[in-house]
Amino acid sequence: MTIDEELTVLESQLRRLKIEYEVYFSNPTKKPPTDIEWKVLSMLRKFSDGARLSFAQRFRYNEMAQRYAIYSDLWRKKSRIREEGYRRPQDALLSVQGVRPENHEPERRVVYGVSPAAAAVAAAPAAAPATITVQCSDARTQQDRVLKLYHALTEAKKKAGESVSGNLDSFTSFVQKKTDQIRQQYGCPSVEYTVEMQNGQVRLKAKAKV
């Protein structure tokens, strides 16, 4: 099996693990999917050093590793609530089936003034992407910076609900072409790229950096 095929298997297992945990938290009698999680962790550890991975494969792996880290933190919180019950009003928003709040209902109404579902929707706009700045003088030799910029741009677009077009290779070519153009025009050593939210839309800005 090639590395790309193994990464595809990892992606499939991670997707399955997410579904199994959703089933687990919605069913009080269900057991946690520890066998699938063990497989996912084993594959993540196998490629953790990145020694055998190409640039594109390393980006793909890092994306899955970060996704698992986010999921794992959420599952840990939900598991604690499942074992101990709700302790804070905001714990109810994690929706663990079979657990009931203890004397928190009045407090939740006073604090939020809306139902847990409405509160979750109202809190969604707070997830706006932060401004990220990266300097680049040569996209071909500074792949780590291009990767950071690409990841920031795609994540910001996803959070903003915008479609993501192109892949890492096409983005690298774009950054290289834009960097060469600005450096030649302004005679600067590098170009500063910024991912930011402007008028409700994600923007990638480039300017000469002296």
Protein backbone atom coordinates (compact mmCIF):
# COMPACT_ATOMS: atom_id res chain seq x y z
CA MET A 1 0.00 0.00 0.00
CA THR A 2 1.37 3.43 -0.97
CA ILE A 3 1.56 6.38 1.42
CA ASP A 4 -1.29 8.14 -0.42
CA GLU A 5 -3.44 5.03 -0.04
CA GLU A 6 -2.60 4.81 3.67
CA LEU A 7 -3.53 8.48 4.13
CA THR A 8 -6.83 7.78 2.36
CA VAL A 9 -7.46 4.93 4.81
CA LEU A 10 -6.62 7.26 7.71
CA GLU A 11 -9.05 9.86 6.39
CA SER A 12 -11.76 7.21 6.07
CA GLN A 13 -11.12 5.88 9.59
CA LEU A 14 -11.20 9.39 11.05
CA ARG A 15 -14.52 10.06 9.35
CA ARG A 16 -15.89 6.77 10.68
CA LEU A 17 -14.59 7.54 14.17
CA LYS A 18 -16.43 10.88 14.18
CA ILE A 19 -19.68 9.16 13.20
CA GLU A 20 -19.22 6.44 15.83
CA TYR A 21 -18.64 9.02 18.57
CA GLU A 22 -21.77 10.90 17.51
CA VAL A 23 -23.71 7.64 17.86
CA TYR A 24 -22.03 6.97 21.22
CA PHE A 25 -23.00 10.33 22.70
CA SER A 26 -26.59 10.07 21.42
CA ASN A 27 -27.11 6.59 22.92
CA PRO A 28 -26.60 6.15 26.71
CA THR A 29 -26.10 2.37 26.33
CA LYS A 30 -23.47 2.59 23.57
CA LYS A 31 -19.78 1.91 24.25
CA PRO A 32 -17.06 4.30 23.03
CA PRO A 33 -15.41 3.34 19.69
CA THR A 34 -12.01 2.70 21.28
CA ASP A 35 -10.95 0.13 18.66
CA ILE A 36 -11.38 2.58 15.78
CA GLU A 37 -9.71 5.36 17.74
CA TRP A 38 -6.73 3.08 18.42
CA LYS A 39 -6.36 2.48 14.67
CA VAL A 40 -6.51 6.22 13.96
CA LEU A 41 -3.92 6.99 16.64
CA SER A 42 -1.61 4.25 15.35
CA MET A 43 -1.67 5.69 11.84
CA LEU A 44 -1.19 9.25 13.11
CA ARG A 45 1.87 8.14 15.09
CA LYS A 46 3.24 6.23 12.10
CA PHE A 47 3.54 9.41 10.02
CA SER A 48 4.18 11.84 12.88
CA ASP A 49 7.85 12.46 12.00
CA GLY A 50 6.96 13.29 8.36
CA ALA A 51 10.22 11.78 7.14
CA ARG A 52 8.68 9.73 4.33
CA LEU A 53 6.07 12.28 3.30
CA SER A 54 6.18 14.66 0.37
CA PHE A 55 5.21 18.30 0.85
CA ALA A 56 1.61 17.68 -0.28
CA GLN A 57 1.33 14.48 1.78
CA ARG A 58 2.65 16.27 4.87
CA PHE A 59 0.04 19.00 4.44
CA ARG A 60 -2.70 16.38 4.07
CA TYR A 61 -1.46 14.55 7.18
CA ASN A 62 -1.22 17.75 9.25
CA GLU A 63 -4.78 18.67 8.33
CA MET A 64 -6.07 15.29 9.56
CA ALA A 65 -3.93 15.43 12.71
CA GLN A 66 -5.31 18.87 13.58
CA ARG A 67 -8.85 17.69 12.87
CA TYR A 68 -8.37 14.72 15.22
CA ALA A 69 -6.95 17.00 17.94
CA ILE A 70 -10.06 19.19 17.76
CA TYR A 71 -12.40 16.19 17.77
CA SER A 72 -10.48 14.55 20.61
CA ASP A 73 -10.78 17.61 22.84
CA LEU A 74 -14.53 17.79 22.21
CA TRP A 75 -14.97 14.06 22.87
CA ARG A 76 -13.01 14.36 26.11
CA LYS A 77 -15.33 17.14 27.33
CA LYS A 78 -18.43 15.21 26.31
CA SER A 79 -17.14 12.04 28.00
CA ARG A 80 -16.58 13.93 31.25
CA ILE A 81 -20.12 15.29 31.10
CA ARG A 82 -21.45 11.81 30.33
CA GLU A 83 -19.71 10.41 33.42
CA GLU A 84 -20.28 13.28 35.87
CA GLY A 85 -23.39 15.06 34.54
CA TYR A 86 -23.79 18.75 33.69
CA ARG A 87 -21.81 21.01 35.98
CA ARG A 88 -22.08 24.31 34.12
CA PRO A 89 -24.96 25.82 32.10
CA GLN A 90 -22.82 25.85 28.93
CA ASP A 91 -22.21 22.09 29.24
CA ALA A 92 -25.76 21.52 28.03
CA LEU A 93 -24.79 22.89 24.62
CA LEU A 94 -22.59 19.82 24.04
CA SER A 95 -25.79 17.71 23.92
CA VAL A 96 -24.83 14.42 25.58
CA GLN A 97 -27.86 12.11 25.49
CA GLY A 98 -29.02 10.58 28.77
CA VAL A 99 -27.53 13.28 31.03
CA ARG A 100 -29.78 15.84 32.71
CA PRO A 101 -28.77 19.18 34.23
CA GLU A 102 -28.91 19.49 38.02
CA ASN A 103 -30.48 22.76 39.17
CA HIS A 104 -28.97 24.64 36.21
CA GLU A 105 -32.06 25.25 34.09
CA PRO A 106 -33.14 28.57 35.72
CA GLU A 107 -29.56 29.86 35.60
CA ARG A 108 -29.29 29.00 31.91
CA ARG A 109 -32.43 30.99 31.12
CA VAL A 110 -31.20 33.98 33.11
CA VAL A 111 -27.73 34.01 31.58
CA TYR A 112 -28.60 33.36 27.96
CA GLY A 113 -32.25 34.26 27.71
CA VAL A 114 -32.66 31.76 24.88
CA SER A 115 -32.75 28.00 24.39
CA PRO A 116 -29.42 26.10 24.10
CA ALA A 117 -29.96 25.62 20.35
CA ALA A 118 -30.57 29.32 19.79
CA ALA A 119 -27.58 30.20 21.94
CA ALA A 120 -25.38 27.97 19.81
CA VAL A 121 -26.56 29.67 16.64
CA ALA A 122 -26.08 33.11 18.15
CA ALA A 123 -22.53 32.23 19.18
CA ALA A 124 -21.56 31.08 15.67
CA PRO A 125 -20.46 34.53 14.30
CA ALA A 126 -17.79 34.67 17.03
CA ALA A 127 -15.79 32.11 15.04
CA ALA A 128 -14.61 34.73 12.54
CA PRO A 129 -11.06 34.02 11.32
CA ALA A 130 -8.20 35.99 12.86
CA THR A 131 -5.86 38.10 10.73
CA ILE A 132 -2.74 36.13 9.74
CA THR A 133 0.39 37.59 8.12
CA VAL A 134 3.19 35.69 6.35
CA GLN A 135 6.31 37.05 4.61
CA CYS A 136 7.63 35.29 1.52
CA SER A 137 10.54 35.91 -0.84
CA ASP A 138 10.51 32.58 -2.73
CA ALA A 139 7.57 30.16 -2.59
CA ARG A 140 9.69 27.31 -3.94
CA THR A 141 12.19 27.37 -1.07
CA GLN A 142 9.86 28.64 1.69
CA GLN A 143 7.26 25.91 1.45
CA ASP A 144 6.56 25.98 5.18
CA ARG A 145 5.40 29.60 4.89
CA VAL A 146 3.28 28.88 1.84
CA LEU A 147 1.73 25.92 3.67
CA LYS A 148 0.92 28.11 6.68
CA LEU A 149 -0.65 30.73 4.41
CA TYR A 150 -2.64 28.17 2.44
CA HIS A 151 -3.93 26.51 5.59
CA ALA A 152 -4.92 29.89 7.08
CA LEU A 153 -6.74 30.91 3.89
CA THR A 154 -8.67 27.66 3.48
CA GLU A 155 -9.63 27.51 7.16
CA ALA A 156 -10.80 31.13 7.10
CA LYS A 157 -12.93 30.47 4.01
CA LYS A 158 -14.48 27.37 5.58
CA LYS A 159 -15.33 29.26 8.77
CA ALA A 160 -16.85 32.08 6.71
CA GLY A 161 -18.90 29.60 4.67
CA GLU A 162 -17.06 30.38 1.42
CA SER A 163 -16.12 27.77 -1.17
CA VAL A 164 -12.46 26.69 -1.40
CA SER A 165 -11.12 26.30 -4.93
CA GLY A 166 -7.72 25.07 -6.12
CA ASN A 167 -5.17 22.94 -4.31
CA LEU A 168 -1.82 23.50 -2.62
CA ASP A 169 0.17 23.20 -5.88
CA SER A 170 -1.89 25.80 -7.71
CA PHE A 171 -1.74 28.09 -4.66
CA THR A 172 2.05 27.75 -4.50
CA SER A 173 2.30 28.69 -8.19
CA PHE A 174 0.08 31.72 -7.58
CA VAL A 175 2.14 32.90 -4.61
CA GLN A 176 5.40 32.46 -6.55
CA LYS A 177 4.07 34.42 -9.54
CA LYS A 178 2.68 37.19 -7.33
CA THR A 179 5.86 37.38 -5.27
CA ASP A 180 8.08 37.66 -8.35
CA GLN A 181 5.78 40.33 -9.80
CA ILE A 182 5.76 42.54 -6.68
CA ARG A 183 9.48 42.12 -5.99
CA GLN A 184 10.30 43.13 -9.55
CA GLN A 185 7.90 46.07 -9.49
CA TYR A 186 9.00 47.54 -6.14
CA GLY A 187 12.53 46.15 -5.83
CA CYS A 188 11.74 44.72 -2.39
CA PRO A 189 13.36 41.64 -0.81
CA SER A 190 10.07 39.99 0.18
CA VAL A 191 6.28 40.22 0.00
CA GLU A 192 3.91 40.30 2.97
CA TYR A 193 0.71 38.26 2.57
CA THR A 194 -2.23 38.81 4.90
CA VAL A 195 -5.38 36.70 5.31
CA GLU A 196 -8.14 38.84 6.80
CA MET A 197 -11.89 39.33 6.90
CA GLN A 198 -13.14 42.40 5.02
CA ASN A 199 -16.80 43.32 4.55
CA GLY A 200 -17.83 39.82 5.53
CA GLN A 201 -15.52 38.12 3.02
CA VAL A 202 -12.08 36.49 3.34
CA ARG A 203 -9.35 38.38 1.50
CA LEU A 204 -5.72 37.55 0.68
CA LYS A 205 -3.70 40.76 0.41
CA ALA A 206 -0.13 41.15 -0.80
CA LYS A 207 2.19 44.15 -0.36
CA ALA A 208 5.88 44.91 -0.78
CA LYS A 209 7.94 44.41 2.36
CA VAL A 210 11.12 46.49 2.58
